[in-house]
Protein backbone atom coordinates (compact mmCIF):
# COMPACT_ATOMS: atom_id res chain seq x y z
CA MET A 1 3.58 -14.18 -1.02
CA ARG A 2 4.28 -12.74 2.92
CA TYR A 3 2.82 -9.38 2.29
CA TYR A 4 -0.47 -11.01 1.25
CA LEU A 5 -0.91 -13.11 3.68
CA ALA A 6 0.15 -10.34 6.20
CA ASN A 7 -2.77 -7.95 5.63
CA LEU A 8 -5.77 -8.82 7.55
CA TYR A 9 -8.58 -7.36 4.95
CA LEU A 10 -7.18 -9.25 1.82
CA GLY A 11 -9.98 -11.56 2.95
CA ARG A 12 -12.27 -8.51 2.71
CA VAL A 13 -10.90 -7.30 -0.92
CA LEU A 14 -11.29 -10.94 -2.41
CA LEU A 15 -14.86 -11.49 -1.10
CA ALA A 16 -15.45 -7.81 -3.03
CA LEU A 17 -13.84 -8.96 -6.26
CA LEU A 18 -16.19 -11.75 -6.17
CA ILE A 19 -18.92 -10.30 -5.88
CA ASP A 20 -17.89 -8.04 -8.40
CA TRP A 21 -17.73 -10.36 -10.43
CA ALA A 22 -20.18 -12.29 -9.64
CA ALA A 23 -22.53 -9.34 -10.88
CA LEU A 24 -20.68 -9.52 -14.22
CA GLY A 25 -21.76 -12.85 -14.45
CA ILE A 26 -25.35 -12.25 -13.95
CA ALA A 27 -25.54 -9.69 -16.18
CA ALA A 28 -23.98 -11.38 -19.49
CA ALA A 29 -25.95 -14.26 -18.54
CA ALA A 30 -29.19 -12.05 -18.25
CA THR A 31 -27.96 -10.22 -21.37
CA TRP A 32 -27.27 -13.46 -23.93
CA VAL A 33 -30.89 -14.75 -22.41
CA ALA A 34 -32.93 -11.44 -23.17
CA LEU A 35 -31.31 -10.76 -26.60
CA GLN A 36 -29.68 -13.78 -28.00
CA PRO A 37 -27.02 -11.62 -29.69
CA PRO A 38 -25.98 -12.43 -32.96
CA PHE A 39 -22.21 -13.70 -31.62
CA SER A 40 -21.16 -17.05 -30.96
CA PRO A 41 -21.04 -18.08 -27.19
CA GLY A 42 -17.10 -18.41 -27.19
CA ALA A 43 -16.95 -14.69 -28.77
CA PHE A 44 -19.36 -13.53 -26.11
CA VAL A 45 -17.55 -15.22 -23.08
CA GLY A 46 -14.52 -13.82 -24.34
CA ALA A 47 -15.62 -10.40 -24.59
CA THR A 48 -17.05 -10.42 -21.31
CA LEU A 49 -13.75 -11.44 -19.35
CA ALA A 50 -12.35 -8.71 -21.64
CA VAL A 51 -15.18 -6.21 -20.19
CA GLY A 52 -15.15 -7.73 -16.81
CA ALA A 53 -10.94 -7.42 -16.46
CA LEU A 54 -11.43 -3.46 -17.72
CA SER A 55 -14.33 -3.28 -15.04
CA SER A 56 -11.83 -4.50 -12.41
CA VAL A 57 -8.95 -1.94 -13.08
CA LEU A 58 -11.31 0.87 -13.15
CA LEU A 59 -12.58 0.18 -9.89
CA TYR A 60 -8.98 -0.55 -8.48
CA TYR A 61 -8.32 2.91 -9.49
CA ALA A 62 -11.49 4.49 -8.83
CA GLU A 63 -10.65 3.31 -5.03
CA ALA A 64 -13.19 0.53 -4.98
CA TYR A 65 -11.17 -1.52 -3.28
CA GLY A 66 -9.51 0.78 -0.98
CA LEU A 67 -10.01 -0.12 2.84
CA THR A 68 -11.68 2.88 3.77
CA VAL A 69 -14.21 2.80 0.88
CA LEU A 70 -14.96 -1.17 1.78
CA GLY A 71 -16.61 0.57 4.83
CA SER A 72 -18.50 3.36 3.34
CA GLY A 73 -21.77 3.23 1.33
CA ARG A 74 -21.36 6.63 -0.25
CA ARG A 75 -17.80 6.38 -1.17
CA THR A 76 -18.39 3.09 -3.01
CA LEU A 77 -21.04 4.38 -4.92
CA LEU A 78 -19.07 7.37 -5.86
CA SER A 79 -16.27 5.03 -7.13
CA ILE A 80 -19.06 3.06 -8.68
CA ILE A 81 -20.06 5.70 -10.94
CA ALA A 82 -16.42 7.07 -11.60
CA ALA A 83 -15.50 3.58 -12.60
CA PHE A 84 -18.70 3.35 -15.14
CA GLY A 85 -17.96 6.78 -16.44
CA VAL A 86 -14.59 6.59 -17.31
CA GLY A 87 -15.44 2.95 -19.08
CA ALA A 88 -17.91 4.74 -20.83
CA ALA A 89 -15.77 7.32 -22.17
CA ALA A 90 -13.37 4.31 -23.30
CA VAL A 91 -15.81 2.57 -24.88
CA LEU A 92 -17.18 5.05 -27.08
CA LEU A 93 -13.71 6.04 -27.79
CA ALA A 94 -13.01 2.76 -29.09
CA ASN A 95 -16.36 2.95 -31.05
CA LEU A 96 -15.25 6.00 -32.95
CA LEU A 97 -11.81 4.47 -33.42
CA LEU A 98 -13.02 1.05 -35.11
CA PRO A 99 -16.34 0.75 -34.87
CA PHE A 100 -18.47 -2.32 -33.19
CA PRO A 101 -19.84 -4.92 -35.46
CA PRO A 102 -23.82 -5.07 -36.00
CA GLY A 103 -25.71 -6.13 -32.59
CA ALA A 104 -22.48 -5.48 -30.28
CA THR A 105 -23.61 -1.50 -29.23
CA GLU A 106 -27.17 -2.74 -28.14
CA THR A 107 -25.91 -6.19 -26.40
CA LEU A 108 -23.17 -3.91 -24.47
CA ALA A 109 -25.97 -0.93 -23.70
CA HIS A 110 -28.12 -3.62 -22.36
CA PHE A 111 -25.23 -5.24 -20.26
CA ALA A 112 -24.26 -2.01 -18.66
CA ALA A 113 -28.12 -1.41 -17.85
CA LEU A 114 -27.91 -4.43 -15.60
CA TYR A 115 -24.53 -4.94 -14.35
CA ALA A 116 -24.51 -0.98 -12.95
CA PRO A 117 -27.61 -2.26 -10.32
CA ALA A 118 -25.93 -5.63 -9.69
CA LEU A 119 -22.46 -4.51 -9.16
CA VAL A 120 -24.15 -1.96 -6.83
CA THR A 121 -26.75 -3.98 -5.16
CA GLY A 122 -23.59 -6.46 -4.60
CA ARG A 123 -21.44 -4.44 -2.97
CA MET A 124 -24.24 -3.15 -0.69
CA GLY A 125 -24.62 -6.85 0.40
CA PHE A 126 -21.27 -6.56 1.00
CA ARG A 127 -21.03 -3.98 3.57
CA LEU A 128 -24.13 -5.66 5.15
CA LEU A 129 -22.47 -8.85 5.67
CA SER A 130 -18.81 -7.62 6.63
CA SER A 131 -20.21 -5.30 9.34
CA ARG A 132 -21.95 -8.20 11.15
CA GLU A 133 -19.97 -8.68 14.09
CA ARG A 134 -19.62 -12.40 13.98
CA PHE A 135 -17.43 -11.75 10.95
CA ALA A 136 -15.03 -9.75 12.89
CA GLN A 137 -11.98 -11.36 14.42
CA ARG A 138 -12.03 -10.88 18.06
CA VAL A 139 -8.83 -9.95 19.82
CA LEU A 140 -7.76 -10.27 23.35
CA LEU A 141 -4.73 -7.96 24.39
CA ILE A 142 -2.42 -8.47 26.89
CA GLY A 143 -0.85 -5.84 28.70
CA ASN A 144 -1.01 -2.02 29.60
CA SER A 145 2.36 -0.39 27.56
CA ASP A 146 3.20 2.28 24.63
CA LEU A 147 2.89 -1.17 22.11
CA SER A 148 -0.36 -2.04 23.22
CA ARG A 149 -1.77 1.45 23.14
CA ALA A 150 -0.20 1.87 19.56
CA ILE A 151 -1.91 -1.34 18.75
CA ALA A 152 -5.22 -0.34 19.97
CA ARG A 153 -5.29 3.21 17.89
CA ALA A 154 -4.02 1.22 14.85
CA VAL A 155 -7.55 -0.97 15.07
CA ARG A 156 -9.23 1.62 16.12
CA ASP A 157 -8.49 3.34 12.82
CA ARG A 158 -8.90 0.57 10.88
CA ARG A 159 -12.03 -0.81 11.78
CA ASN A 160 -12.82 -2.10 8.17
CA LEU A 161 -10.08 -4.18 8.96
CA GLY A 162 -12.59 -7.08 10.11
CA THR A 163 -10.83 -6.69 13.76
CA GLU A 164 -12.36 -6.06 16.47
CA ILE A 165 -10.26 -5.29 20.54
CA ILE A 166 -12.78 -7.04 22.67
CA GLY A 167 -10.99 -6.36 25.91
CA ILE A 168 -7.29 -5.64 27.51
CA LEU A 169 -5.70 -7.57 30.65
CA SER A 170 -3.92 -5.39 32.76
CA ASP A 171 -2.06 -5.96 36.06
CA ASP A 172 -1.94 -2.19 36.97
CA PRO A 173 -4.66 -2.25 39.41
CA ASP A 174 -5.45 1.74 38.54
CA ASP A 175 -6.11 -0.12 34.95
CA GLN A 176 -9.26 -2.51 36.41
CA GLY A 177 -12.52 -1.33 35.22
CA ALA A 178 -10.87 1.80 33.21
CA TRP A 179 -10.93 2.01 29.50
CA ILE A 180 -7.22 1.97 27.11
CA GLU A 181 -7.77 3.80 23.57
CA GLY A 182 -11.31 3.32 23.54
CA TYR A 183 -11.08 -0.80 24.95
CA PRO A 184 -12.10 -1.64 28.24
CA VAL A 185 -9.76 -3.58 30.46
CA ILE A 186 -11.58 -6.71 31.25
CA GLY A 187 -9.65 -8.02 33.99
CA ARG A 188 -5.87 -9.37 35.01
CA VAL A 189 -3.53 -10.62 33.25
CA HIS A 190 -3.18 -13.84 35.49
CA GLU A 191 -6.60 -14.57 34.86
CA LEU A 192 -6.33 -14.91 31.16
CA GLU A 193 -8.22 -18.57 31.18
CA LYS A 194 -10.73 -17.54 33.63
CA VAL A 195 -11.35 -14.71 30.72
CA LEU A 196 -11.05 -16.89 27.65
CA ASP A 197 -13.79 -18.94 29.41
CA ARG A 198 -16.18 -16.24 29.90
CA VAL A 199 -15.52 -14.16 26.67
CA PRO A 200 -15.59 -15.25 22.83
CA VAL A 201 -12.00 -14.81 21.26
CA ASP A 202 -10.52 -15.76 17.93
CA ARG A 203 -6.73 -14.13 18.66
CA ILE A 204 -4.52 -13.34 21.37
CA VAL A 205 -1.91 -10.43 21.18
CA VAL A 206 1.01 -10.66 23.69
CA ALA A 207 2.11 -6.49 24.26
CA SER A 208 3.04 -6.71 27.49
CA LYS A 209 6.38 -4.42 28.46
CA LYS A 210 6.37 -4.03 32.40
CA ARG A 211 8.69 -5.90 34.22
CA ASP A 212 6.64 -6.31 37.12
CA GLU A 213 3.58 -7.29 34.75
CA HIS A 214 3.34 -10.88 34.98
CA PHE A 215 3.86 -12.96 32.07
CA PRO A 216 1.87 -16.07 31.62
CA ALA A 217 4.04 -18.13 30.00
CA ALA A 218 2.88 -21.98 30.67
CA GLU A 219 -1.15 -20.49 30.60
CA LEU A 220 0.37 -19.51 26.81
CA LEU A 221 1.69 -22.33 25.62
CA ARG A 222 -1.17 -24.48 26.81
CA LEU A 223 -3.11 -22.33 24.60
CA LYS A 224 -0.98 -22.26 21.24
CA LEU A 225 -0.79 -26.23 21.85
CA LEU A 226 -4.45 -26.38 21.93
CA SER A 227 -4.19 -24.38 18.51
CA TRP A 228 -5.15 -21.07 19.62
CA ARG A 229 -4.02 -18.30 17.18
CA ILE A 230 -1.29 -16.02 19.38
CA ASP A 231 1.16 -13.47 18.26
CA SER A 232 3.71 -11.22 19.64
CA GLY A 233 2.57 -7.34 19.72
CA VAL A 234 5.10 -6.14 17.23
CA SER A 235 4.06 -8.14 14.58
CA PHE A 236 0.82 -8.12 14.92
CA TYR A 237 1.34 -4.24 14.80
CA GLU A 238 3.03 -4.79 11.38
CA ARG A 239 0.36 -6.65 9.86
CA VAL A 240 -1.88 -4.57 10.90
CA THR A 241 -0.22 -1.13 9.97
CA GLY A 242 2.00 -2.30 7.04
CA ARG A 243 5.03 -1.10 9.22
CA MET A 244 7.42 -1.54 11.80
CA TYR A 245 7.06 -0.81 15.55
CA LEU A 246 10.51 1.22 15.92
CA ARG A 247 10.11 1.68 19.72
CA GLU A 248 10.28 -2.19 19.86
CA LEU A 249 13.39 -2.34 17.84
CA ARG A 250 16.62 -4.35 18.61
CA PRO A 251 19.17 -5.62 17.11
CA SER A 252 18.40 -9.55 18.14
CA TYR A 253 15.00 -8.79 16.43
CA LEU A 254 16.77 -7.85 13.04
CA ILE A 255 18.87 -10.49 13.71
CA PHE A 256 17.17 -13.21 14.60
CA ASN A 257 13.44 -12.66 13.45
CA HIS A 258 12.09 -14.49 10.16
CA GLY A 259 12.44 -12.00 6.77
CA PHE A 260 15.22 -9.10 6.05
CA ALA A 261 17.04 -11.34 3.77
CA LEU A 262 16.09 -12.56 -0.28
CA GLY A 263 17.79 -15.52 -1.35
CA ARG A 264 20.24 -15.02 -4.18
CA LEU A 265 18.14 -16.48 -6.49
CA SER A 266 15.39 -13.50 -5.17
CA MET A 267 18.11 -11.08 -5.64
CA ALA A 268 19.04 -12.20 -9.23
CA ALA A 269 15.48 -12.06 -10.58
CA LYS A 270 15.23 -9.02 -8.57
CA ARG A 271 17.98 -7.63 -10.50
CA ALA A 272 17.03 -8.80 -14.01
CA LEU A 273 13.42 -7.84 -13.54
CA ASP A 274 14.86 -3.92 -12.49
CA VAL A 275 16.79 -4.15 -16.02
CA ALA A 276 14.37 -5.70 -18.38
CA LEU A 277 11.12 -3.28 -17.54
CA SER A 278 14.00 -0.10 -16.90
CA ALA A 279 15.37 -0.40 -20.53
CA VAL A 280 11.82 -1.36 -21.67
CA ALA A 281 10.72 1.72 -19.97
CA LEU A 282 13.36 3.74 -21.06
CA LEU A 283 12.68 2.97 -24.95
CA LEU A 284 9.35 3.77 -24.15
CA VAL A 285 9.24 7.36 -22.47
CA SER A 286 12.51 8.45 -24.12
CA PRO A 287 10.03 10.66 -26.29
CA VAL A 288 7.76 11.97 -22.89
CA ILE A 289 11.51 12.85 -21.40
CA GLY A 290 12.32 14.82 -24.52
CA LEU A 291 8.86 16.62 -24.54
CA ALA A 292 9.40 17.51 -20.60
CA ALA A 293 12.90 18.63 -21.41
CA LEU A 294 12.03 21.19 -23.69
CA ALA A 295 9.44 22.47 -21.52
CA ILE A 296 11.53 23.16 -18.53
CA ARG A 297 14.03 24.92 -20.84
CA LEU A 298 11.44 27.15 -22.08
CA ASP A 299 9.55 27.81 -18.60
CA SER A 300 12.97 28.68 -17.00
CA PRO A 301 16.71 28.98 -17.19
CA GLY A 302 18.69 26.31 -16.36
CA PRO A 303 20.11 22.70 -17.42
CA ALA A 304 16.81 20.34 -18.20
CA PHE A 305 18.71 17.78 -16.08
CA PHE A 306 19.48 17.49 -12.62
CA GLY A 307 21.98 15.77 -10.96
CA GLN A 308 22.32 15.07 -7.35
CA GLU A 309 24.51 12.83 -5.20
CA ARG A 310 22.80 10.62 -2.86
CA VAL A 311 23.75 7.77 -0.61
CA GLY A 312 23.64 4.18 -2.03
CA ARG A 313 23.68 0.34 -1.35
CA GLY A 314 26.81 -0.39 0.87
CA GLY A 315 27.00 3.67 2.24
CA ARG A 316 28.44 3.99 -1.40
CA SER A 317 27.58 7.77 -3.23
CA PHE A 318 25.82 8.18 -6.73
CA GLN A 319 24.88 10.76 -8.75
CA VAL A 320 21.14 10.80 -8.99
CA TRP A 321 18.96 12.32 -12.00
CA LYS A 322 15.75 13.85 -12.61
CA LEU A 323 14.43 16.34 -14.99
CA ARG A 324 14.65 19.94 -12.84
CA SER A 325 11.53 20.87 -11.22
CA MET A 326 12.93 23.83 -9.57
CA ARG A 327 14.32 27.13 -10.01
CA GLU A 328 18.36 26.60 -10.94
CA ASP A 329 19.38 28.60 -7.79
CA ALA A 330 16.92 26.79 -5.53
CA GLU A 331 19.48 26.11 -2.30
CA GLU A 332 21.88 28.92 -3.17
CA GLU A 333 20.55 30.59 0.12
CA THR A 334 19.21 27.49 1.85
CA GLY A 335 21.46 24.70 1.01
CA ALA A 336 20.47 20.93 1.59
CA VAL A 337 16.43 21.17 2.78
CA TRP A 338 13.28 19.11 1.99
CA SER A 339 11.26 20.02 -0.19
CA GLN A 340 8.02 21.27 0.39
CA ALA A 341 4.02 20.28 -0.50
CA GLU A 342 4.24 24.09 -1.87
CA ASP A 343 7.44 24.69 -2.30
CA ASP A 344 7.60 27.88 -3.90
CA ARG A 345 11.27 27.01 -5.70
CA VAL A 346 9.06 24.74 -8.18
CA THR A 347 8.68 26.07 -11.27
CA ARG A 348 5.10 26.19 -13.38
CA VAL A 349 6.53 22.46 -15.54
CA GLY A 350 8.13 21.45 -12.37
CA ARG A 351 4.72 21.24 -10.60
CA PHE A 352 3.27 19.00 -12.73
CA LEU A 353 6.37 16.96 -13.01
CA ARG A 354 6.43 16.30 -9.23
CA LYS A 355 2.59 15.96 -9.36
CA SER A 356 2.98 13.05 -12.23
CA ARG A 357 6.04 12.04 -10.81
CA LEU A 358 7.47 12.17 -14.38
CA ASP A 359 10.60 13.87 -13.08
CA GLU A 360 11.63 10.69 -11.67
CA LEU A 361 12.21 8.82 -15.03
CA PRO A 362 15.72 9.50 -15.73
CA GLN A 363 16.64 7.16 -12.79
CA LEU A 364 15.89 4.57 -15.00
CA TRP A 365 19.34 5.25 -16.33
CA ASN A 366 20.27 4.58 -12.65
CA VAL A 367 18.53 1.11 -12.22
CA LEU A 368 20.68 0.40 -15.73
CA ARG A 369 23.57 1.14 -14.13
CA GLY A 370 23.29 -0.56 -10.96
CA GLU A 371 22.78 2.26 -8.73
CA MET A 372 19.21 1.53 -8.10
CA SER A 373 16.70 -0.74 -8.34
CA LEU A 374 12.66 0.34 -9.19
CA VAL A 375 11.57 -0.58 -5.69
CA GLY A 376 13.76 -0.07 -2.66
CA PRO A 377 13.84 2.71 -0.18
CA ARG A 378 14.59 6.53 -1.27
CA PRO A 379 18.49 7.37 -1.69
CA GLU A 380 18.93 10.22 0.99
CA ARG A 381 21.64 12.88 0.19
CA PRO A 382 24.48 12.71 2.25
CA GLU A 383 24.30 15.61 4.60
CA PHE A 384 20.63 14.36 5.51
CA VAL A 385 22.47 10.46 6.24
CA ASP A 386 24.69 11.65 8.80
CA MET A 387 22.38 13.81 10.35
CA LEU A 388 19.48 11.10 10.49
CA ALA A 389 21.82 8.27 11.78
CA GLU A 390 22.38 10.38 15.00
CA ARG A 391 18.90 10.62 15.96
CA TYR A 392 17.72 7.00 14.74
CA PRO A 393 20.50 4.06 15.10
CA TYR A 394 19.40 1.73 12.39
CA PHE A 395 19.02 4.45 9.54
CA ARG A 396 22.09 3.16 8.15
CA ALA A 397 20.66 -0.08 7.79
CA ARG A 398 18.31 0.93 4.76
CA SER A 399 21.53 0.96 2.89
CA ALA A 400 21.54 -2.97 2.98
CA VAL A 401 19.66 -2.78 0.14
CA ARG A 402 19.73 -0.79 -3.39
CA PRO A 403 17.65 2.19 -3.43
CA GLY A 404 14.51 2.56 -5.60
CA ILE A 405 13.34 5.06 -7.68
CA THR A 406 9.55 4.14 -5.98
CA GLY A 407 8.90 2.02 -2.60
CA TRP A 408 6.93 1.04 0.27
CA ALA A 409 7.51 3.98 1.86
CA GLN A 410 6.48 6.23 -0.94
CA ILE A 411 3.25 4.77 -2.14
CA ARG A 412 2.19 4.81 1.57
CA ASP A 413 2.84 7.58 2.82
CA GLY A 414 4.14 10.00 0.00
CA TYR A 415 7.93 11.87 0.32
CA VAL A 416 10.18 12.99 3.43
CA ASN A 417 9.15 17.01 4.23
CA ASP A 418 10.92 17.07 7.77
CA ILE A 419 12.69 15.41 9.87
CA ALA A 420 9.81 14.59 12.22
CA HIS A 421 8.17 12.96 9.38
CA VAL A 422 11.24 10.45 9.05
CA GLU A 423 10.40 7.92 11.71
CA GLU A 424 7.33 7.16 9.96
CA LYS A 425 9.39 6.50 6.52
CA LEU A 426 11.80 4.75 8.39
CA ALA A 427 9.05 2.20 10.25
CA LEU A 428 7.54 1.43 6.55
CA ASP A 429 11.39 1.47 5.19
CA PHE A 430 11.64 -1.82 7.93
CA TYR A 431 8.77 -3.29 6.66
CA TYR A 432 9.96 -3.68 3.34
CA LEU A 433 13.17 -4.45 4.15
CA LYS A 434 11.55 -7.79 6.28
CA TYR A 435 8.84 -8.50 4.33
CA ARG A 436 10.43 -8.08 0.69
CA THR A 437 9.46 -10.02 -2.17
CA LEU A 438 9.07 -9.82 -5.84
CA THR A 439 5.60 -9.88 -5.59
CA MET A 440 5.68 -7.26 -3.00
CA ASP A 441 7.87 -5.78 -5.30
CA LEU A 442 5.39 -5.79 -8.12
CA LEU A 443 2.25 -4.74 -6.35
CA ILE A 444 4.13 -1.87 -5.26
CA LEU A 445 4.71 -0.81 -9.09
CA TRP A 446 1.48 -0.91 -9.77
CA LYS A 447 0.39 1.01 -6.71
CA THR A 448 3.19 3.36 -8.43
CA LEU A 449 1.83 3.63 -11.98
CA LYS A 450 -1.49 4.27 -10.31
CA THR A 451 0.03 7.27 -8.85
CA VAL A 452 1.13 8.38 -12.20
CA LEU A 453 -1.87 8.17 -13.88
CA LEU A 454 -4.02 9.70 -11.20
CA MET A 455 -1.49 12.27 -10.51
CA ARG A 456 -1.16 12.00 -7.04
CA GLY A 457 2.80 13.05 -6.66
CA HIS A 458 4.68 15.70 -4.72
């Protein structure tokens, strides 16, 4: 559960979910009282819970629990309309295939007429509640460094986290009275306790990196013993962004910090999950793979499947398998290059396969063979690994785990298109290596399913 605890906006998501279910309960109770439908109380409650579960799933896929949407009334309304539209279509289709019992249609219509406005009202109330300053976590940032500026930018760009930097402490005389990344410098580092006496603070984040800057060790220790919440800048940056701050990455951080390892039992459970899910998935999607292979052969000359050498766990090479999405001669002139968003080498069928990520399905066989996992860093080509390892000294550390069909970097930032983009992906990969759990893997698989259904692949 470390991933969930690391997310500063989890409380807002849970509150929004609670409000949504409260709206559901109000609409259901009012419907029962007003109509007295011809169902037993147990059947009515069961149907209500089923509708609630479907509603939560649809709202999730309509981005209603996304960080940006939670802070926007317009986007919230659009997401609710989208979810209700899909839900109404699903109910109509279900009624055509399996007609509802007498009274069910009237009851459902009455319930929907009450649930929609109750849901919108609840979400608007949520926005008013969560936007109040007293509900925000007030952070005091110590130090003016690359790290502190990165934290300031991250918080500024994620205002819906419920976190606000109330000020920065810096010993640089030029900083006094200045603003850094949109936040004021409100004192010097050695004035920490005086600042705390006059400014309300909930959390102190230490991001001081200058050698000539005073580090208030005694004051921080005393505050820690008094139950003040104090974080290192690196760990706070990780929680806010979901990625690691690579510029501060040192061997000691990787060696002595918590995380970066799974117990034997967890590793065995992860492998068992990989085998079970990939075996079942292969059985279920084999007709889809067959139809896609046929479409590929009809669309362009060449084989339906495409094999490519990749670097796996421990630096060992293996052959990864995909449904071919490019021309057969795609790299004859260029050699090994990253694919681009609008790559003209992609075929018509290949474009659909990439959007839906169906081209990745044959890799389930690599998972069964033990060469890959369902979740992990993406396996890179040997040509790229050598180049990237020269630029990023810790790049080869990714090979400590099995590469994955999907992963934290893929769901957060898509696929790599150029070398400049690698640093962002590497920061996400290291975050996954540090915090990975079975719970996090299941969350990544759930979000990947959303990407497939909504056709948001590369």
